[in-house]
Amino acid sequence: MTVKTTLSFTDRHHRFLSEKVGQGVFATQSAAVAAALEQMMQDEEERNVALSALAQEIRARMETPREAFIDLDDAFAAARASIEAARGA
């Protein structure tokens, strides 16, 4: 279903829309706005998925018992050794 609405744009936005339609990137200004909205919706969905995965990882790590924690020096020992080797070369 298509709904008719009235939108207001700054001169800059209107000029950009007109240029894109003139270049044939979009058939109409409405098509360009619809594409922008679709991109915003997709971005929001991807952001929600990423935030959900991050929250899940944080919850999982909060459930890790203290004795399973890795010592800071041990965690970065290999990286430090690589850096030192590179500096020495």
PDB file of N, CA and C in Angstrom:
ATOM      1  N   MET A   1       0.837  -1.175   0.000  1.00  0.00           N
ATOM      2  CA  MET A   1       0.000   0.000   0.000  1.00  0.00           C
ATOM      3  C   MET A   1       0.889   1.249   0.000  1.00  0.00           C
ATOM      4  N   THR A   2       0.539   2.226  -0.739  1.00  0.00           N
ATOM      5  CA  THR A   2       1.269   3.486  -0.805  1.00  0.00           C
ATOM      6  C   THR A   2       0.464   4.554  -0.084  1.00  0.00           C
ATOM      7  N   VAL A   3       1.158   5.316   0.740  1.00  0.00           N
ATOM      8  CA  VAL A   3       0.522   6.404   1.488  1.00  0.00           C
ATOM      9  C   VAL A   3       1.124   7.714   0.999  1.00  0.00           C
ATOM     10  N   LYS A   4       0.285   8.656   0.718  1.00  0.00           N
ATOM     11  CA  LYS A   4       0.739   9.961   0.269  1.00  0.00           C
ATOM     12  C   LYS A   4       0.988  10.844   1.483  1.00  0.00           C
ATOM     13  N   THR A   5       2.119  11.552   1.479  1.00  0.00           N
ATOM     14  CA  THR A   5       2.444  12.438   2.585  1.00  0.00           C
ATOM     15  C   THR A   5       3.191  13.647   2.051  1.00  0.00           C
ATOM     16  N   THR A   6       3.297  14.663   2.858  1.00  0.00           N
ATOM     17  CA  THR A   6       4.033  15.856   2.479  1.00  0.00           C
ATOM     18  C   THR A   6       5.278  15.937   3.347  1.00  0.00           C
ATOM     19  N   LEU A   7       6.425  16.136   2.724  1.00  0.00           N
ATOM     20  CA  LEU A   7       7.683  16.255   3.445  1.00  0.00           C
ATOM     21  C   LEU A   7       8.331  17.580   3.102  1.00  0.00           C
ATOM     22  N   SER A   8       9.082  18.117   4.045  1.00  0.00           N
ATOM     23  CA  SER A   8       9.829  19.351   3.805  1.00  0.00           C
ATOM     24  C   SER A   8      11.314  19.033   3.905  1.00  0.00           C
ATOM     25  N   PHE A   9      12.105  19.616   3.005  1.00  0.00           N
ATOM     26  CA  PHE A   9      13.538  19.394   2.978  1.00  0.00           C
ATOM     27  C   PHE A   9      14.279  20.716   2.979  1.00  0.00           C
ATOM     28  N   THR A  10      15.503  20.682   3.451  1.00  0.00           N
ATOM     29  CA  THR A  10      16.348  21.861   3.310  1.00  0.00           C
ATOM     30  C   THR A  10      16.705  21.993   1.829  1.00  0.00           C
ATOM     31  N   ASP A  11      17.188  23.154   1.451  1.00  0.00           N
ATOM     32  CA  ASP A  11      17.612  23.349   0.059  1.00  0.00           C
ATOM     33  C   ASP A  11      18.683  22.334  -0.313  1.00  0.00           C
ATOM     34  N   ARG A  12      19.590  22.090   0.592  1.00  0.00           N
ATOM     35  CA  ARG A  12      20.685  21.140   0.344  1.00  0.00           C
ATOM     36  C   ARG A  12      20.150  19.742   0.063  1.00  0.00           C
ATOM     37  N   HIS A  13      19.216  19.286   0.898  1.00  0.00           N
ATOM     38  CA  HIS A  13      18.638  17.949   0.710  1.00  0.00           C
ATOM     39  C   HIS A  13      17.832  17.871  -0.585  1.00  0.00           C
ATOM     40  N   HIS A  14      17.078  18.907  -0.866  1.00  0.00           N
ATOM     41  CA  HIS A  14      16.267  18.925  -2.088  1.00  0.00           C
ATOM     42  C   HIS A  14      17.159  18.887  -3.314  1.00  0.00           C
ATOM     43  N   ARG A  15      18.232  19.669  -3.278  1.00  0.00           N
ATOM     44  CA  ARG A  15      19.174  19.690  -4.397  1.00  0.00           C
ATOM     45  C   ARG A  15      19.797  18.299  -4.594  1.00  0.00           C
ATOM     46  N   PHE A  16      20.175  17.666  -3.506  1.00  0.00           N
ATOM     47  CA  PHE A  16      20.773  16.328  -3.589  1.00  0.00           C
ATOM     48  C   PHE A  16      19.786  15.330  -4.187  1.00  0.00           C
ATOM     49  N   LEU A  17      18.551  15.342  -3.701  1.00  0.00           N
ATOM     50  CA  LEU A  17      17.523  14.449  -4.241  1.00  0.00           C
ATOM     51  C   LEU A  17      17.320  14.689  -5.730  1.00  0.00           C
ATOM     52  N   SER A  18      17.218  15.946  -6.102  1.00  0.00           N
ATOM     53  CA  SER A  18      17.007  16.283  -7.516  1.00  0.00           C
ATOM     54  C   SER A  18      18.178  15.815  -8.372  1.00  0.00           C
ATOM     55  N   GLU A  19      19.396  15.977  -7.868  1.00  0.00           N
ATOM     56  CA  GLU A  19      20.580  15.526  -8.617  1.00  0.00           C
ATOM     57  C   GLU A  19      20.549  14.012  -8.815  1.00  0.00           C
ATOM     58  N   LYS A  20      20.212  13.270  -7.773  1.00  0.00           N
ATOM     59  CA  LYS A  20      20.193  11.807  -7.860  1.00  0.00           C
ATOM     60  C   LYS A  20      19.122  11.331  -8.839  1.00  0.00           C
ATOM     61  N   VAL A  21      17.990  11.995  -8.828  1.00  0.00           N
ATOM     62  CA  VAL A  21      16.935  11.641  -9.789  1.00  0.00           C
ATOM     63  C   VAL A  21      17.403  12.010 -11.196  1.00  0.00           C
ATOM     64  N   GLY A  22      18.018  13.176 -11.349  1.00  0.00           N
ATOM     65  CA  GLY A  22      18.515  13.609 -12.645  1.00  0.00           C
ATOM     66  C   GLY A  22      19.602  12.685 -13.198  1.00  0.00           C
ATOM     67  N   GLN A  23      20.403  12.095 -12.295  1.00  0.00           N
ATOM     68  CA  GLN A  23      21.469  11.171 -12.705  1.00  0.00           C
ATOM     69  C   GLN A  23      20.918   9.777 -13.003  1.00  0.00           C
ATOM     70  N   GLY A  24      19.666   9.569 -12.686  1.00  0.00           N
ATOM     71  CA  GLY A  24      19.069   8.264 -12.923  1.00  0.00           C
ATOM     72  C   GLY A  24      19.321   7.253 -11.816  1.00  0.00           C
ATOM     73  N   VAL A  25      19.865   7.718 -10.697  1.00  0.00           N
ATOM     74  CA  VAL A  25      20.113   6.822  -9.565  1.00  0.00           C
ATOM     75  C   VAL A  25      18.778   6.346  -8.994  1.00  0.00           C
ATOM     76  N   PHE A  26      17.814   7.247  -8.948  1.00  0.00           N
ATOM     77  CA  PHE A  26      16.463   6.931  -8.476  1.00  0.00           C
ATOM     78  C   PHE A  26      15.462   7.425  -9.510  1.00  0.00           C
ATOM     79  N   ALA A  27      14.351   6.743  -9.622  1.00  0.00           N
ATOM     80  CA  ALA A  27      13.324   7.134 -10.586  1.00  0.00           C
ATOM     81  C   ALA A  27      12.621   8.417 -10.167  1.00  0.00           C
ATOM     82  N   THR A  28      12.428   8.572  -8.863  1.00  0.00           N
ATOM     83  CA  THR A  28      11.731   9.744  -8.349  1.00  0.00           C
ATOM     84  C   THR A  28      12.333  10.131  -6.997  1.00  0.00           C
ATOM     85  N   GLN A  29      11.980  11.317  -6.541  1.00  0.00           N
ATOM     86  CA  GLN A  29      12.420  11.734  -5.212  1.00  0.00           C
ATOM     87  C   GLN A  29      11.810  10.828  -4.142  1.00  0.00           C
ATOM     88  N   SER A  30      10.593  10.402  -4.376  1.00  0.00           N
ATOM     89  CA  SER A  30       9.948   9.482  -3.430  1.00  0.00           C
ATOM     90  C   SER A  30      10.716   8.172  -3.326  1.00  0.00           C
ATOM     91  N   ALA A  31      11.219   7.685  -4.466  1.00  0.00           N
ATOM     92  CA  ALA A  31      11.997   6.444  -4.469  1.00  0.00           C
ATOM     93  C   ALA A  31      13.289   6.624  -3.687  1.00  0.00           C
ATOM     94  N   ALA A  32      13.904   7.798  -3.802  1.00  0.00           N
ATOM     95  CA  ALA A  32      15.138   8.075  -3.071  1.00  0.00           C
ATOM     96  C   ALA A  32      14.873   8.111  -1.567  1.00  0.00           C
ATOM     97  N   VAL A  33      13.799   8.763  -1.166  1.00  0.00           N
ATOM     98  CA  VAL A  33      13.449   8.828   0.253  1.00  0.00           C
ATOM     99  C   VAL A  33      13.114   7.431   0.773  1.00  0.00           C
ATOM    100  N   ALA A  34      12.392   6.644  -0.013  1.00  0.00           N
ATOM    101  CA  ALA A  34      12.059   5.281   0.390  1.00  0.00           C
ATOM    102  C   ALA A  34      13.331   4.451   0.566  1.00  0.00           C
ATOM    103  N   ALA A  35      14.306   4.619  -0.332  1.00  0.00           N
ATOM    104  CA  ALA A  35      15.574   3.883  -0.227  1.00  0.00           C
ATOM    105  C   ALA A  35      16.321   4.298   1.034  1.00  0.00           C
ATOM    106  N   ALA A  36      16.310   5.586   1.338  1.00  0.00           N
ATOM    107  CA  ALA A  36      16.969   6.071   2.553  1.00  0.00           C
ATOM    108  C   ALA A  36      16.305   5.489   3.799  1.00  0.00           C
ATOM    109  N   LEU A  37      14.986   5.438   3.807  1.00  0.00           N
ATOM    110  CA  LEU A  37      14.260   4.862   4.940  1.00  0.00           C
ATOM    111  C   LEU A  37      14.553   3.367   5.084  1.00  0.00           C
ATOM    112  N   GLU A  38      14.602   2.661   3.963  1.00  0.00           N
ATOM    113  CA  GLU A  38      14.940   1.234   4.011  1.00  0.00           C
ATOM    114  C   GLU A  38      16.329   1.030   4.605  1.00  0.00           C
ATOM    115  N   GLN A  39      17.283   1.893   4.209  1.00  0.00           N
ATOM    116  CA  GLN A  39      18.639   1.793   4.742  1.00  0.00           C
ATOM    117  C   GLN A  39      18.651   2.065   6.240  1.00  0.00           C
ATOM    118  N   MET A  40      17.900   3.062   6.667  1.00  0.00           N
ATOM    119  CA  MET A  40      17.801   3.365   8.098  1.00  0.00           C
ATOM    120  C   MET A  40      17.220   2.183   8.861  1.00  0.00           C
ATOM    121  N   MET A  41      16.200   1.555   8.301  1.00  0.00           N
ATOM    122  CA  MET A  41      15.569   0.397   8.952  1.00  0.00           C
ATOM    123  C   MET A  41      16.550  -0.765   9.051  1.00  0.00           C
ATOM    124  N   GLN A  42      17.304  -0.994   7.975  1.00  0.00           N
ATOM    125  CA  GLN A  42      18.294  -2.065   7.985  1.00  0.00           C
ATOM    126  C   GLN A  42      19.405  -1.759   8.987  1.00  0.00           C
ATOM    127  N   ASP A  43      19.871  -0.522   9.029  1.00  0.00           N
ATOM    128  CA  ASP A  43      20.905  -0.130   9.988  1.00  0.00           C
ATOM    129  C   ASP A  43      20.437  -0.355  11.420  1.00  0.00           C
ATOM    130  N   GLU A  44      19.194   0.021  11.684  1.00  0.00           N
ATOM    131  CA  GLU A  44      18.641  -0.147  13.028  1.00  0.00           C
ATOM    132  C   GLU A  44      18.548  -1.624  13.402  1.00  0.00           C
ATOM    133  N   GLU A  45      18.113  -2.449  12.462  1.00  0.00           N
ATOM    134  CA  GLU A  45      18.018  -3.889  12.715  1.00  0.00           C
ATOM    135  C   GLU A  45      19.404  -4.482  12.995  1.00  0.00           C
ATOM    136  N   GLU A  46      20.392  -4.096  12.187  1.00  0.00           N
ATOM    137  CA  GLU A  46      21.753  -4.595  12.398  1.00  0.00           C
ATOM    138  C   GLU A  46      22.313  -4.129  13.734  1.00  0.00           C
ATOM    139  N   ARG A  47      22.039  -2.886  14.106  1.00  0.00           N
ATOM    140  CA  ARG A  47      22.489  -2.356  15.391  1.00  0.00           C
ATOM    141  C   ARG A  47      21.848  -3.135  16.535  1.00  0.00           C
ATOM    142  N   ASN A  48      20.555  -3.443  16.409  1.00  0.00           N
ATOM    143  CA  ASN A  48      19.877  -4.213  17.447  1.00  0.00           C
ATOM    144  C   ASN A  48      20.444  -5.618  17.580  1.00  0.00           C
ATOM    145  N   VAL A  49      20.770  -6.240  16.452  1.00  0.00           N
ATOM    146  CA  VAL A  49      21.378  -7.578  16.487  1.00  0.00           C
ATOM    147  C   VAL A  49      22.737  -7.512  17.176  1.00  0.00           C
ATOM    148  N   ALA A  50      23.541  -6.505  16.823  1.00  0.00           N
ATOM    149  CA  ALA A  50      24.868  -6.358  17.418  1.00  0.00           C
ATOM    150  C   ALA A  50      24.772  -6.094  18.916  1.00  0.00           C
ATOM    151  N   LEU A  51      23.854  -5.222  19.318  1.00  0.00           N
ATOM    152  CA  LEU A  51      23.689  -4.930  20.747  1.00  0.00           C
ATOM    153  C   LEU A  51      23.202  -6.148  21.519  1.00  0.00           C
ATOM    154  N   SER A  52      22.327  -6.915  20.905  1.00  0.00           N
ATOM    155  CA  SER A  52      21.835  -8.130  21.547  1.00  0.00           C
ATOM    156  C   SER A  52      22.964  -9.133  21.730  1.00  0.00           C
ATOM    157  N   ALA A  53      23.801  -9.290  20.711  1.00  0.00           N
ATOM    158  CA  ALA A  53      24.935 -10.213  20.804  1.00  0.00           C
ATOM    159  C   ALA A  53      25.914  -9.739  21.866  1.00  0.00           C
ATOM    160  N   LEU A  54      26.150  -8.437  21.932  1.00  0.00           N
ATOM    161  CA  LEU A  54      27.043  -7.880  22.945  1.00  0.00           C
ATOM    162  C   LEU A  54      26.487  -8.119  24.345  1.00  0.00           C
ATOM    163  N   ALA A  55      25.205  -7.878  24.530  1.00  0.00           N
ATOM    164  CA  ALA A  55      24.573  -8.100  25.830  1.00  0.00           C
ATOM    165  C   ALA A  55      24.663  -9.571  26.234  1.00  0.00           C
ATOM    166  N   GLN A  56      24.458 -10.456  25.268  1.00  0.00           N
ATOM    167  CA  GLN A  56      24.550 -11.889  25.543  1.00  0.00           C
ATOM    168  C   GLN A  56      25.979 -12.266  25.955  1.00  0.00           C
ATOM    169  N   GLU A  57      26.968 -11.707  25.282  1.00  0.00           N
ATOM    170  CA  GLU A  57      28.365 -11.992  25.616  1.00  0.00           C
ATOM    171  C   GLU A  57      28.707 -11.464  27.005  1.00  0.00           C
ATOM    172  N   ILE A  58      28.222 -10.284  27.336  1.00  0.00           N
ATOM    173  CA  ILE A  58      28.464  -9.717  28.666  1.00  0.00           C
ATOM    174  C   ILE A  58      27.840 -10.605  29.731  1.00  0.00           C
ATOM    175  N   ARG A  59      26.592 -11.050  29.496  1.00  0.00           N
ATOM    176  CA  ARG A  59      25.947 -11.944  30.471  1.00  0.00           C
ATOM    177  C   ARG A  59      26.748 -13.232  30.653  1.00  0.00           C
ATOM    178  N   ALA A  60      27.221 -13.796  29.538  1.00  0.00           N
ATOM    179  CA  ALA A  60      27.996 -15.045  29.611  1.00  0.00           C
ATOM    180  C   ALA A  60      29.290 -14.820  30.391  1.00  0.00           C
ATOM    181  N   ARG A  61      29.940 -13.712  30.159  1.00  0.00           N
ATOM    182  CA  ARG A  61      31.196 -13.439  30.870  1.00  0.00           C
ATOM    183  C   ARG A  61      30.952 -13.161  32.339  1.00  0.00           C
ATOM    184  N   MET A  62      29.821 -12.569  32.678  1.00  0.00           N
ATOM    185  CA  MET A  62      29.496 -12.310  34.083  1.00  0.00           C
ATOM    186  C   MET A  62      29.267 -13.615  34.839  1.00  0.00           C
ATOM    187  N   GLU A  63      28.886 -14.658  34.124  1.00  0.00           N
ATOM    188  CA  GLU A  63      28.653 -15.961  34.752  1.00  0.00           C
ATOM    189  C   GLU A  63      29.933 -16.781  34.879  1.00  0.00           C
ATOM    190  N   THR A  64      31.044 -16.279  34.323  1.00  0.00           N
ATOM    191  CA  THR A  64      32.317 -16.997  34.397  1.00  0.00           C
ATOM    192  C   THR A  64      32.840 -16.920  35.829  1.00  0.00           C
ATOM    193  N   PRO A  65      33.164 -18.073  36.420  1.00  0.00           N
ATOM    194  CA  PRO A  65      33.689 -18.046  37.793  1.00  0.00           C
ATOM    195  C   PRO A  65      35.068 -17.376  37.834  1.00  0.00           C
ATOM    196  N   ARG A  66      35.376 -16.718  38.944  1.00  0.00           N
ATOM    197  CA  ARG A  66      36.647 -15.996  39.092  1.00  0.00           C
ATOM    198  C   ARG A  66      37.857 -16.873  38.816  1.00  0.00           C
ATOM    199  N   GLU A  67      37.800 -18.114  39.232  1.00  0.00           N
ATOM    200  CA  GLU A  67      38.957 -19.002  39.051  1.00  0.00           C
ATOM    201  C   GLU A  67      39.226 -19.306  37.570  1.00  0.00           C
ATOM    202  N   ALA A  68      38.265 -19.034  36.708  1.00  0.00           N
ATOM    203  CA  ALA A  68      38.453 -19.251  35.275  1.00  0.00           C
ATOM    204  C   ALA A  68      39.008 -18.017  34.571  1.00  0.00           C
ATOM    205  N   PHE A  69      39.147 -16.917  35.319  1.00  0.00           N
ATOM    206  CA  PHE A  69      39.690 -15.697  34.723  1.00  0.00           C
ATOM    207  C   PHE A  69      41.131 -15.936  34.298  1.00  0.00           C
ATOM    208  N   ILE A  70      41.554 -15.242  33.269  1.00  0.00           N
ATOM    209  CA  ILE A  70      42.926 -15.335  32.779  1.00  0.00           C
ATOM    210  C   ILE A  70      43.704 -14.151  33.331  1.00  0.00           C
ATOM    211  N   ASP A  71      44.903 -14.421  33.839  1.00  0.00           N
ATOM    212  CA  ASP A  71      45.765 -13.380  34.367  1.00  0.00           C
ATOM    213  C   ASP A  71      46.116 -12.400  33.250  1.00  0.00           C
ATOM    214  N   LEU A  72      46.120 -11.121  33.562  1.00  0.00           N
ATOM    215  CA  LEU A  72      46.389 -10.083  32.577  1.00  0.00           C
ATOM    216  C   LEU A  72      47.737 -10.290  31.889  1.00  0.00           C
ATOM    217  N   ASP A  73      48.770 -10.592  32.657  1.00  0.00           N
ATOM    218  CA  ASP A  73      50.090 -10.796  32.065  1.00  0.00           C
ATOM    219  C   ASP A  73      50.094 -11.990  31.117  1.00  0.00           C
ATOM    220  N   ASP A  74      49.409 -13.065  31.498  1.00  0.00           N
ATOM    221  CA  ASP A  74      49.334 -14.249  30.637  1.00  0.00           C
ATOM    222  C   ASP A  74      48.537 -13.960  29.365  1.00  0.00           C
ATOM    223  N   ALA A  75      47.490 -13.175  29.499  1.00  0.00           N
ATOM    224  CA  ALA A  75      46.615 -12.900  28.359  1.00  0.00           C
ATOM    225  C   ALA A  75      47.356 -12.160  27.241  1.00  0.00           C
ATOM    226  N   PHE A  76      48.286 -11.283  27.616  1.00  0.00           N
ATOM    227  CA  PHE A  76      48.970 -10.467  26.623  1.00  0.00           C
ATOM    228  C   PHE A  76      50.431 -10.859  26.417  1.00  0.00           C
ATOM    229  N   ALA A  77      50.873 -11.967  27.010  1.00  0.00           N
ATOM    230  CA  ALA A  77      52.278 -12.375  26.900  1.00  0.00           C
ATOM    231  C   ALA A  77      52.701 -12.602  25.456  1.00  0.00           C
ATOM    232  N   ALA A  78      51.894 -13.308  24.683  1.00  0.00           N
ATOM    233  CA  ALA A  78      52.251 -13.591  23.292  1.00  0.00           C
ATOM    234  C   ALA A  78      52.328 -12.302  22.467  1.00  0.00           C
ATOM    235  N   ALA A  79      51.396 -11.397  22.695  1.00  0.00           N
ATOM    236  CA  ALA A  79      51.404 -10.131  21.963  1.00  0.00           C
ATOM    237  C   ALA A  79      52.650  -9.315  22.340  1.00  0.00           C
ATOM    238  N   ARG A  80      52.964  -9.270  23.625  1.00  0.00           N
ATOM    239  CA  ARG A  80      54.152  -8.520  24.057  1.00  0.00           C
ATOM    240  C   ARG A  80      55.420  -9.127  23.456  1.00  0.00           C
ATOM    241  N   ALA A  81      55.504 -10.451  23.428  1.00  0.00           N
ATOM    242  CA  ALA A  81      56.671 -11.114  22.852  1.00  0.00           C
ATOM    243  C   ALA A  81      56.799 -10.793  21.366  1.00  0.00           C
ATOM    244  N   SER A  82      55.685 -10.758  20.652  1.00  0.00           N
ATOM    245  CA  SER A  82      55.723 -10.415  19.225  1.00  0.00           C
ATOM    246  C   SER A  82      56.174  -8.979  19.015  1.00  0.00           C
ATOM    247  N   ILE A  83      55.698  -8.095  19.833  1.00  0.00           N
ATOM    248  CA  ILE A  83      56.084  -6.679  19.721  1.00  0.00           C
ATOM    249  C   ILE A  83      57.564  -6.505  20.008  1.00  0.00           C
ATOM    250  N   GLU A  84      58.019  -7.148  21.064  1.00  0.00           N
ATOM    251  CA  GLU A  84      59.441  -7.062  21.403  1.00  0.00           C
ATOM    252  C   GLU A  84      60.312  -7.652  20.305  1.00  0.00           C
ATOM    253  N   ALA A  85      59.883  -8.761  19.723  1.00  0.00           N
ATOM    254  CA  ALA A  85      60.653  -9.370  18.633  1.00  0.00           C
ATOM    255  C   ALA A  85      60.699  -8.444  17.427  1.00  0.00           C
ATOM    256  N   ALA A  86      59.581  -7.786  17.139  1.00  0.00           N
ATOM    257  CA  ALA A  86      59.522  -6.875  15.994  1.00  0.00           C
ATOM    258  C   ALA A  86      60.411  -5.661  16.223  1.00  0.00           C
ATOM    259  N   ARG A  87      60.442  -5.183  17.435  1.00  0.00           N
ATOM    260  CA  ARG A  87      61.284  -4.010  17.757  1.00  0.00           C
ATOM    261  C   ARG A  87      62.764  -4.364  17.696  1.00  0.00           C
ATOM    262  N   GLY A  88      63.058  -5.607  18.037  1.00  0.00           N
ATOM    263  CA  GLY A  88      64.447  -6.064  18.032  1.00  0.00           C
ATOM    264  C   GLY A  88      64.959  -6.378  16.645  1.00  0.00           C
ATOM    265  N   ALA A  89      64.065  -6.578  15.693  1.00  0.00           N
ATOM    266  CA  ALA A  89      64.467  -6.995  14.330  1.00  0.00           C
ATOM    267  C   ALA A  89      64.949  -5.852  13.492  1.00  0.00           C
TER     268      ALA A  89
END
